[in-house]
Amino acid sequence: MPSLPASQRSQALFTASETSRIVEMAWEDRTPFEAIEFNFGLNESSVINLMRGQLKPRSFRLWRKRVTSRKTKHLSLRSPDVSRGYCPTQYKR
């Protein structure tokens, strides 16, 4: 049986709803990669591989460009003023 590439291995470990949540968290500006790693065990490079497999090529390039310029995606680069993972108006009641 051939070995799966890293991006497919990480995708195979999650249900469709978990994969969807990881993609959602990766798109969110205030959700750091460390939060994804804490919740799902995927480090930044694994998230990048998963996103590459889940998104269309153009969407992936847009996401990478967006993430690369976001200081909030890395806890070590984050301002201490950003203490939560989401905007208070994100989840409407």
PDB file of N, CA and C in Angstrom:
ATOM      1  N   MET A   1       0.844  -1.181   0.000  1.00  0.00           N
ATOM      2  CA  MET A   1       0.000   0.000   0.000  1.00  0.00           C
ATOM      3  C   MET A   1       0.890   1.245   0.000  1.00  0.00           C
ATOM      4  N   PRO A   2       0.715   2.169  -0.963  1.00  0.00           N
ATOM      5  CA  PRO A   2       1.573   3.344  -1.033  1.00  0.00           C
ATOM      6  C   PRO A   2       1.291   4.311   0.112  1.00  0.00           C
ATOM      7  N   SER A   3       2.341   5.014   0.506  1.00  0.00           N
ATOM      8  CA  SER A   3       2.217   6.001   1.564  1.00  0.00           C
ATOM      9  C   SER A   3       1.532   7.257   1.025  1.00  0.00           C
ATOM     10  N   LEU A   4       0.647   7.841   1.822  1.00  0.00           N
ATOM     11  CA  LEU A   4      -0.051   9.061   1.419  1.00  0.00           C
ATOM     12  C   LEU A   4       0.833  10.283   1.638  1.00  0.00           C
ATOM     13  N   PRO A   5       0.709  11.291   0.790  1.00  0.00           N
ATOM     14  CA  PRO A   5       1.420  12.550   1.041  1.00  0.00           C
ATOM     15  C   PRO A   5       0.936  13.175   2.346  1.00  0.00           C
ATOM     16  N   ALA A   6       1.747  14.037   2.940  1.00  0.00           N
ATOM     17  CA  ALA A   6       1.420  14.636   4.236  1.00  0.00           C
ATOM     18  C   ALA A   6       0.075  15.341   4.225  1.00  0.00           C
ATOM     19  N   SER A   7      -0.249  16.055   3.147  1.00  0.00           N
ATOM     20  CA  SER A   7      -1.522  16.784   3.103  1.00  0.00           C
ATOM     21  C   SER A   7      -2.705  15.828   3.138  1.00  0.00           C
ATOM     22  N   GLN A   8      -2.610  14.696   2.461  1.00  0.00           N
ATOM     23  CA  GLN A   8      -3.703  13.727   2.465  1.00  0.00           C
ATOM     24  C   GLN A   8      -3.754  12.958   3.778  1.00  0.00           C
ATOM     25  N   ARG A   9      -2.588  12.704   4.391  1.00  0.00           N
ATOM     26  CA  ARG A   9      -2.574  12.025   5.686  1.00  0.00           C
ATOM     27  C   ARG A   9      -3.314  12.856   6.715  1.00  0.00           C
ATOM     28  N   SER A  10      -3.032  14.166   6.779  1.00  0.00           N
ATOM     29  CA  SER A  10      -3.684  15.008   7.770  1.00  0.00           C
ATOM     30  C   SER A  10      -5.180  15.122   7.485  1.00  0.00           C
ATOM     31  N   GLN A  11      -5.566  15.134   6.214  1.00  0.00           N
ATOM     32  CA  GLN A  11      -6.981  15.218   5.861  1.00  0.00           C
ATOM     33  C   GLN A  11      -7.704  13.928   6.230  1.00  0.00           C
ATOM     34  N   ALA A  12      -7.040  12.808   6.110  1.00  0.00           N
ATOM     35  CA  ALA A  12      -7.671  11.521   6.374  1.00  0.00           C
ATOM     36  C   ALA A  12      -7.964  11.325   7.866  1.00  0.00           C
ATOM     37  N   LEU A  13      -7.296  12.077   8.732  1.00  0.00           N
ATOM     38  CA  LEU A  13      -7.466  11.909  10.163  1.00  0.00           C
ATOM     39  C   LEU A  13      -8.703  12.607  10.708  1.00  0.00           C
ATOM     40  N   PHE A  14      -9.318  13.468   9.929  1.00  0.00           N
ATOM     41  CA  PHE A  14     -10.420  14.284  10.416  1.00  0.00           C
ATOM     42  C   PHE A  14     -11.713  14.006   9.673  1.00  0.00           C
ATOM     43  N   THR A  15     -12.821  14.186  10.381  1.00  0.00           N
ATOM     44  CA  THR A  15     -14.130  14.086   9.737  1.00  0.00           C
ATOM     45  C   THR A  15     -14.333  15.324   8.867  1.00  0.00           C
ATOM     46  N   ALA A  16     -15.356  15.290   8.050  1.00  0.00           N
ATOM     47  CA  ALA A  16     -15.643  16.436   7.188  1.00  0.00           C
ATOM     48  C   ALA A  16     -15.934  17.684   8.013  1.00  0.00           C
ATOM     49  N   SER A  17     -16.648  17.538   9.129  1.00  0.00           N
ATOM     50  CA  SER A  17     -16.963  18.703   9.956  1.00  0.00           C
ATOM     51  C   SER A  17     -15.710  19.240  10.666  1.00  0.00           C
ATOM     52  N   GLU A  18     -14.811  18.351  11.085  1.00  0.00           N
ATOM     53  CA  GLU A  18     -13.562  18.802  11.708  1.00  0.00           C
ATOM     54  C   GLU A  18     -12.681  19.526  10.692  1.00  0.00           C
ATOM     55  N   THR A  19     -12.604  18.983   9.483  1.00  0.00           N
ATOM     56  CA  THR A  19     -11.824  19.623   8.426  1.00  0.00           C
ATOM     57  C   THR A  19     -12.400  20.993   8.109  1.00  0.00           C
ATOM     58  N   SER A  20     -13.715  21.078   8.052  1.00  0.00           N
ATOM     59  CA  SER A  20     -14.379  22.346   7.793  1.00  0.00           C
ATOM     60  C   SER A  20     -14.049  23.360   8.890  1.00  0.00           C
ATOM     61  N   ARG A  21     -14.043  22.921  10.128  1.00  0.00           N
ATOM     62  CA  ARG A  21     -13.734  23.814  11.257  1.00  0.00           C
ATOM     63  C   ARG A  21     -12.277  24.273  11.197  1.00  0.00           C
ATOM     64  N   ILE A  22     -11.370  23.394  10.827  1.00  0.00           N
ATOM     65  CA  ILE A  22      -9.959  23.770  10.703  1.00  0.00           C
ATOM     66  C   ILE A  22      -9.796  24.835   9.621  1.00  0.00           C
ATOM     67  N   VAL A  23     -10.452  24.637   8.490  1.00  0.00           N
ATOM     68  CA  VAL A  23     -10.389  25.622   7.399  1.00  0.00           C
ATOM     69  C   VAL A  23     -10.966  26.951   7.876  1.00  0.00           C
ATOM     70  N   GLU A  24     -12.075  26.895   8.574  1.00  0.00           N
ATOM     71  CA  GLU A  24     -12.696  28.118   9.103  1.00  0.00           C
ATOM     72  C   GLU A  24     -11.751  28.839  10.063  1.00  0.00           C
ATOM     73  N   MET A  25     -11.139  28.088  10.970  1.00  0.00           N
ATOM     74  CA  MET A  25     -10.208  28.686  11.926  1.00  0.00           C
ATOM     75  C   MET A  25      -8.987  29.276  11.217  1.00  0.00           C
ATOM     76  N   ALA A  26      -8.532  28.605  10.178  1.00  0.00           N
ATOM     77  CA  ALA A  26      -7.369  29.097   9.437  1.00  0.00           C
ATOM     78  C   ALA A  26      -7.688  30.410   8.719  1.00  0.00           C
ATOM     79  N   TRP A  27      -8.924  30.580   8.261  1.00  0.00           N
ATOM     80  CA  TRP A  27      -9.322  31.815   7.587  1.00  0.00           C
ATOM     81  C   TRP A  27      -9.517  32.962   8.566  1.00  0.00           C
ATOM     82  N   GLU A  28      -9.911  32.659   9.805  1.00  0.00           N
ATOM     83  CA  GLU A  28     -10.177  33.705  10.786  1.00  0.00           C
ATOM     84  C   GLU A  28      -8.893  34.456  11.134  1.00  0.00           C
ATOM     85  N   ASP A  29      -8.970  35.764  11.108  1.00  0.00           N
ATOM     86  CA  ASP A  29      -7.789  36.590  11.370  1.00  0.00           C
ATOM     87  C   ASP A  29      -7.274  36.461  12.794  1.00  0.00           C
ATOM     88  N   ARG A  30      -8.151  36.355  13.748  1.00  0.00           N
ATOM     89  CA  ARG A  30      -7.738  36.367  15.148  1.00  0.00           C
ATOM     90  C   ARG A  30      -7.464  34.986  15.724  1.00  0.00           C
ATOM     91  N   THR A  31      -7.633  33.952  14.957  1.00  0.00           N
ATOM     92  CA  THR A  31      -7.363  32.607  15.454  1.00  0.00           C
ATOM     93  C   THR A  31      -5.932  32.227  15.110  1.00  0.00           C
ATOM     94  N   PRO A  32      -5.057  32.130  16.108  1.00  0.00           N
ATOM     95  CA  PRO A  32      -3.655  31.805  15.817  1.00  0.00           C
ATOM     96  C   PRO A  32      -3.477  30.336  15.459  1.00  0.00           C
ATOM     97  N   PHE A  33      -2.381  30.059  14.765  1.00  0.00           N
ATOM     98  CA  PHE A  33      -2.071  28.672  14.418  1.00  0.00           C
ATOM     99  C   PHE A  33      -1.924  27.823  15.678  1.00  0.00           C
ATOM    100  N   GLU A  34      -1.472  28.421  16.757  1.00  0.00           N
ATOM    101  CA  GLU A  34      -1.304  27.684  18.014  1.00  0.00           C
ATOM    102  C   GLU A  34      -2.648  27.168  18.536  1.00  0.00           C
ATOM    103  N   ALA A  35      -3.729  27.908  18.299  1.00  0.00           N
ATOM    104  CA  ALA A  35      -5.061  27.446  18.722  1.00  0.00           C
ATOM    105  C   ALA A  35      -5.494  26.228  17.903  1.00  0.00           C
ATOM    106  N   ILE A  36      -5.174  26.252  16.617  1.00  0.00           N
ATOM    107  CA  ILE A  36      -5.500  25.096  15.764  1.00  0.00           C
ATOM    108  C   ILE A  36      -4.686  23.887  16.217  1.00  0.00           C
ATOM    109  N   GLU A  37      -3.424  24.123  16.545  1.00  0.00           N
ATOM    110  CA  GLU A  37      -2.578  23.017  17.017  1.00  0.00           C
ATOM    111  C   GLU A  37      -3.097  22.476  18.345  1.00  0.00           C
ATOM    112  N   PHE A  38      -3.512  23.358  19.236  1.00  0.00           N
ATOM    113  CA  PHE A  38      -4.039  22.922  20.526  1.00  0.00           C
ATOM    114  C   PHE A  38      -5.303  22.088  20.354  1.00  0.00           C
ATOM    115  N   ASN A  39      -6.206  22.532  19.479  1.00  0.00           N
ATOM    116  CA  ASN A  39      -7.490  21.845  19.304  1.00  0.00           C
ATOM    117  C   ASN A  39      -7.423  20.606  18.421  1.00  0.00           C
ATOM    118  N   PHE A  40      -6.563  20.627  17.403  1.00  0.00           N
ATOM    119  CA  PHE A  40      -6.568  19.541  16.418  1.00  0.00           C
ATOM    120  C   PHE A  40      -5.213  18.850  16.246  1.00  0.00           C
ATOM    121  N   GLY A  41      -4.171  19.364  16.875  1.00  0.00           N
ATOM    122  CA  GLY A  41      -2.860  18.727  16.787  1.00  0.00           C
ATOM    123  C   GLY A  41      -2.117  18.987  15.485  1.00  0.00           C
ATOM    124  N   LEU A  42      -2.543  19.998  14.720  1.00  0.00           N
ATOM    125  CA  LEU A  42      -1.875  20.326  13.459  1.00  0.00           C
ATOM    126  C   LEU A  42      -1.011  21.566  13.636  1.00  0.00           C
ATOM    127  N   ASN A  43       0.281  21.447  13.348  1.00  0.00           N
ATOM    128  CA  ASN A  43       1.132  22.629  13.409  1.00  0.00           C
ATOM    129  C   ASN A  43       0.910  23.483  12.156  1.00  0.00           C
ATOM    130  N   GLU A  44       1.597  24.609  12.090  1.00  0.00           N
ATOM    131  CA  GLU A  44       1.365  25.544  10.989  1.00  0.00           C
ATOM    132  C   GLU A  44       1.596  24.909   9.619  1.00  0.00           C
ATOM    133  N   SER A  45       2.670  24.161   9.461  1.00  0.00           N
ATOM    134  CA  SER A  45       2.939  23.551   8.156  1.00  0.00           C
ATOM    135  C   SER A  45       1.887  22.506   7.789  1.00  0.00           C
ATOM    136  N   SER A  46       1.349  21.807   8.775  1.00  0.00           N
ATOM    137  CA  SER A  46       0.274  20.842   8.509  1.00  0.00           C
ATOM    138  C   SER A  46      -1.014  21.541   8.102  1.00  0.00           C
ATOM    139  N   VAL A  47      -1.276  22.695   8.731  1.00  0.00           N
ATOM    140  CA  VAL A  47      -2.462  23.474   8.359  1.00  0.00           C
ATOM    141  C   VAL A  47      -2.309  23.975   6.929  1.00  0.00           C
ATOM    142  N   ILE A  48      -1.115  24.433   6.574  1.00  0.00           N
ATOM    143  CA  ILE A  48      -0.857  24.901   5.212  1.00  0.00           C
ATOM    144  C   ILE A  48      -1.091  23.762   4.218  1.00  0.00           C
ATOM    145  N   ASN A  49      -0.592  22.579   4.530  1.00  0.00           N
ATOM    146  CA  ASN A  49      -0.801  21.422   3.648  1.00  0.00           C
ATOM    147  C   ASN A  49      -2.276  21.067   3.532  1.00  0.00           C
ATOM    148  N   LEU A  50      -2.993  21.109   4.658  1.00  0.00           N
ATOM    149  CA  LEU A  50      -4.420  20.813   4.621  1.00  0.00           C
ATOM    150  C   LEU A  50      -5.156  21.848   3.773  1.00  0.00           C
ATOM    151  N   MET A  51      -4.814  23.120   3.957  1.00  0.00           N
ATOM    152  CA  MET A  51      -5.466  24.183   3.185  1.00  0.00           C
ATOM    153  C   MET A  51      -5.158  24.028   1.695  1.00  0.00           C
ATOM    154  N   ARG A  52      -3.950  23.650   1.369  1.00  0.00           N
ATOM    155  CA  ARG A  52      -3.574  23.443  -0.040  1.00  0.00           C
ATOM    156  C   ARG A  52      -4.456  22.363  -0.669  1.00  0.00           C
ATOM    157  N   GLY A  53      -4.772  21.338   0.101  1.00  0.00           N
ATOM    158  CA  GLY A  53      -5.600  20.259  -0.415  1.00  0.00           C
ATOM    159  C   GLY A  53      -7.088  20.570  -0.434  1.00  0.00           C
ATOM    160  N   GLN A  54      -7.533  21.489   0.427  1.00  0.00           N
ATOM    161  CA  GLN A  54      -8.955  21.787   0.553  1.00  0.00           C
ATOM    162  C   GLN A  54      -9.429  22.944  -0.318  1.00  0.00           C
ATOM    163  N   LEU A  55      -8.527  23.866  -0.617  1.00  0.00           N
ATOM    164  CA  LEU A  55      -8.909  25.072  -1.363  1.00  0.00           C
ATOM    165  C   LEU A  55      -8.537  24.965  -2.828  1.00  0.00           C
ATOM    166  N   LYS A  56      -9.213  25.742  -3.640  1.00  0.00           N
ATOM    167  CA  LYS A  56      -8.815  25.878  -5.042  1.00  0.00           C
ATOM    168  C   LYS A  56      -7.468  26.602  -5.065  1.00  0.00           C
ATOM    169  N   PRO A  57      -6.653  26.385  -6.101  1.00  0.00           N
ATOM    170  CA  PRO A  57      -5.328  27.006  -6.136  1.00  0.00           C
ATOM    171  C   PRO A  57      -5.346  28.528  -5.915  1.00  0.00           C
ATOM    172  N   ARG A  58      -6.265  29.226  -6.543  1.00  0.00           N
ATOM    173  CA  ARG A  58      -6.335  30.684  -6.390  1.00  0.00           C
ATOM    174  C   ARG A  58      -6.728  31.060  -4.964  1.00  0.00           C
ATOM    175  N   SER A  59      -7.668  30.348  -4.386  1.00  0.00           N
ATOM    176  CA  SER A  59      -8.083  30.608  -3.008  1.00  0.00           C
ATOM    177  C   SER A  59      -6.934  30.351  -2.045  1.00  0.00           C
ATOM    178  N   PHE A  60      -6.178  29.290  -2.304  1.00  0.00           N
ATOM    179  CA  PHE A  60      -5.028  28.989  -1.452  1.00  0.00           C
ATOM    180  C   PHE A  60      -4.004  30.119  -1.510  1.00  0.00           C
ATOM    181  N   ARG A  61      -3.716  30.612  -2.723  1.00  0.00           N
ATOM    182  CA  ARG A  61      -2.754  31.718  -2.850  1.00  0.00           C
ATOM    183  C   ARG A  61      -3.236  32.967  -2.117  1.00  0.00           C
ATOM    184  N   LEU A  62      -4.526  33.274  -2.216  1.00  0.00           N
ATOM    185  CA  LEU A  62      -5.090  34.419  -1.495  1.00  0.00           C
ATOM    186  C   LEU A  62      -4.971  34.227   0.016  1.00  0.00           C
ATOM    187  N   TRP A  63      -5.266  33.023   0.476  1.00  0.00           N
ATOM    188  CA  TRP A  63      -5.173  32.735   1.905  1.00  0.00           C
ATOM    189  C   TRP A  63      -3.737  32.871   2.399  1.00  0.00           C
ATOM    190  N   ARG A  64      -2.787  32.324   1.649  1.00  0.00           N
ATOM    191  CA  ARG A  64      -1.371  32.415   2.058  1.00  0.00           C
ATOM    192  C   ARG A  64      -0.915  33.866   2.119  1.00  0.00           C
ATOM    193  N   LYS A  65      -1.319  34.651   1.133  1.00  0.00           N
ATOM    194  CA  LYS A  65      -0.956  36.070   1.128  1.00  0.00           C
ATOM    195  C   LYS A  65      -1.557  36.762   2.354  1.00  0.00           C
ATOM    196  N   ARG A  66      -2.789  36.435   2.672  1.00  0.00           N
ATOM    197  CA  ARG A  66      -3.472  37.041   3.817  1.00  0.00           C
ATOM    198  C   ARG A  66      -2.819  36.627   5.132  1.00  0.00           C
ATOM    199  N   VAL A  67      -2.540  35.358   5.292  1.00  0.00           N
ATOM    200  CA  VAL A  67      -1.977  34.834   6.540  1.00  0.00           C
ATOM    201  C   VAL A  67      -0.556  35.350   6.766  1.00  0.00           C
ATOM    202  N   THR A  68       0.196  35.450   5.688  1.00  0.00           N
ATOM    203  CA  THR A  68       1.583  35.886   5.804  1.00  0.00           C
ATOM    204  C   THR A  68       1.681  37.296   6.383  1.00  0.00           C
ATOM    205  N   SER A  69       0.708  38.143   6.103  1.00  0.00           N
ATOM    206  CA  SER A  69       0.765  39.522   6.583  1.00  0.00           C
ATOM    207  C   SER A  69       0.038  39.732   7.912  1.00  0.00           C
ATOM    208  N   ARG A  70      -0.471  38.689   8.534  1.00  0.00           N
ATOM    209  CA  ARG A  70      -1.240  38.819   9.779  1.00  0.00           C
ATOM    210  C   ARG A  70      -0.390  38.498  11.000  1.00  0.00           C
ATOM    211  N   LYS A  71      -0.199  39.481  11.845  1.00  0.00           N
ATOM    212  CA  LYS A  71       0.521  39.231  13.087  1.00  0.00           C
ATOM    213  C   LYS A  71      -0.346  38.472  14.082  1.00  0.00           C
ATOM    214  N   THR A  72      -1.659  38.542  13.921  1.00  0.00           N
ATOM    215  CA  THR A  72      -2.551  37.864  14.862  1.00  0.00           C
ATOM    216  C   THR A  72      -2.596  36.354  14.645  1.00  0.00           C
ATOM    217  N   LYS A  73      -2.011  35.846  13.566  1.00  0.00           N
ATOM    218  CA  LYS A  73      -2.024  34.399  13.311  1.00  0.00           C
ATOM    219  C   LYS A  73      -0.933  33.677  14.090  1.00  0.00           C
ATOM    220  N   HIS A  74      -0.050  34.428  14.769  1.00  0.00           N
ATOM    221  CA  HIS A  74       1.037  33.835  15.555  1.00  0.00           C
ATOM    222  C   HIS A  74       1.037  34.465  16.939  1.00  0.00           C
ATOM    223  N   LEU A  75       0.908  33.667  17.973  1.00  0.00           N
ATOM    224  CA  LEU A  75       0.858  34.210  19.328  1.00  0.00           C
ATOM    225  C   LEU A  75       2.097  35.018  19.671  1.00  0.00           C
ATOM    226  N   SER A  76       3.266  34.599  19.206  1.00  0.00           N
ATOM    227  CA  SER A  76       4.495  35.303  19.550  1.00  0.00           C
ATOM    228  C   SER A  76       4.579  36.688  18.915  1.00  0.00           C
ATOM    229  N   LEU A  77       3.865  36.921  17.810  1.00  0.00           N
ATOM    230  CA  LEU A  77       3.873  38.219  17.142  1.00  0.00           C
ATOM    231  C   LEU A  77       2.692  39.094  17.544  1.00  0.00           C
ATOM    232  N   ARG A  78       1.761  38.519  18.258  1.00  0.00           N
ATOM    233  CA  ARG A  78       0.522  39.192  18.615  1.00  0.00           C
ATOM    234  C   ARG A  78       0.719  40.280  19.652  1.00  0.00           C
ATOM    235  N   SER A  79      -0.036  41.331  19.516  1.00  0.00           N
ATOM    236  CA  SER A  79      -0.057  42.386  20.520  1.00  0.00           C
ATOM    237  C   SER A  79      -0.735  41.845  21.772  1.00  0.00           C
ATOM    238  N   PRO A  80      -0.267  42.235  22.947  1.00  0.00           N
ATOM    239  CA  PRO A  80      -0.938  41.786  24.180  1.00  0.00           C
ATOM    240  C   PRO A  80      -2.374  42.294  24.283  1.00  0.00           C
ATOM    241  N   ASP A  81      -2.728  43.304  23.491  1.00  0.00           N
ATOM    242  CA  ASP A  81      -4.094  43.834  23.499  1.00  0.00           C
ATOM    243  C   ASP A  81      -5.093  42.850  22.897  1.00  0.00           C
ATOM    244  N   VAL A  82      -4.616  41.912  22.064  1.00  0.00           N
ATOM    245  CA  VAL A  82      -5.490  40.920  21.438  1.00  0.00           C
ATOM    246  C   VAL A  82      -5.500  39.695  22.343  1.00  0.00           C
ATOM    247  N   SER A  83      -6.532  39.605  23.160  1.00  0.00           N
ATOM    248  CA  SER A  83      -6.556  38.535  24.162  1.00  0.00           C
ATOM    249  C   SER A  83      -7.608  37.476  23.878  1.00  0.00           C
ATOM    250  N   ARG A  84      -8.358  37.629  22.803  1.00  0.00           N
ATOM    251  CA  ARG A  84      -9.401  36.647  22.497  1.00  0.00           C
ATOM    252  C   ARG A  84      -9.223  36.144  21.075  1.00  0.00           C
ATOM    253  N   GLY A  85      -9.843  35.017  20.791  1.00  0.00           N
ATOM    254  CA  GLY A  85      -9.684  34.393  19.491  1.00  0.00           C
ATOM    255  C   GLY A  85     -10.686  34.828  18.455  1.00  0.00           C
ATOM    256  N   TYR A  86     -11.652  35.664  18.836  1.00  0.00           N
ATOM    257  CA  TYR A  86     -12.653  36.081  17.862  1.00  0.00           C
ATOM    258  C   TYR A  86     -13.168  37.464  18.226  1.00  0.00           C
ATOM    259  N   CYS A  87     -13.746  38.101  17.287  1.00  0.00           N
ATOM    260  CA  CYS A  87     -14.341  39.421  17.465  1.00  0.00           C
ATOM    261  C   CYS A  87     -15.652  39.261  18.244  1.00  0.00           C
ATOM    262  N   PRO A  88     -15.960  40.167  19.192  1.00  0.00           N
ATOM    263  CA  PRO A  88     -17.194  40.010  19.961  1.00  0.00           C
ATOM    264  C   PRO A  88     -18.468  40.010  19.122  1.00  0.00           C
ATOM    265  N   THR A  89     -18.424  40.599  17.934  1.00  0.00           N
ATOM    266  CA  THR A  89     -19.617  40.619  17.084  1.00  0.00           C
ATOM    267  C   THR A  89     -19.658  39.455  16.099  1.00  0.00           C
ATOM    268  N   GLN A  90     -18.662  38.566  16.164  1.00  0.00           N
ATOM    269  CA  GLN A  90     -18.584  37.458  15.214  1.00  0.00           C
ATOM    270  C   GLN A  90     -19.739  36.479  15.392  1.00  0.00           C
ATOM    271  N   TYR A  91     -20.061  36.138  16.610  1.00  0.00           N
ATOM    272  CA  TYR A  91     -21.114  35.170  16.869  1.00  0.00           C
ATOM    273  C   TYR A  91     -22.348  35.906  17.347  1.00  0.00           C
ATOM    274  N   LYS A  92     -23.240  36.211  16.429  1.00  0.00           N
ATOM    275  CA  LYS A  92     -24.463  36.957  16.745  1.00  0.00           C
ATOM    276  C   LYS A  92     -25.447  36.045  17.475  1.00  0.00           C
ATOM    277  N   ARG A  93     -26.188  36.630  18.357  1.00  0.00           N
ATOM    278  CA  ARG A  93     -27.195  35.849  19.102  1.00  0.00           C
ATOM    279  C   ARG A  93     -28.567  36.222  18.691  1.00  0.00           C
TER     280      ARG A  93
END
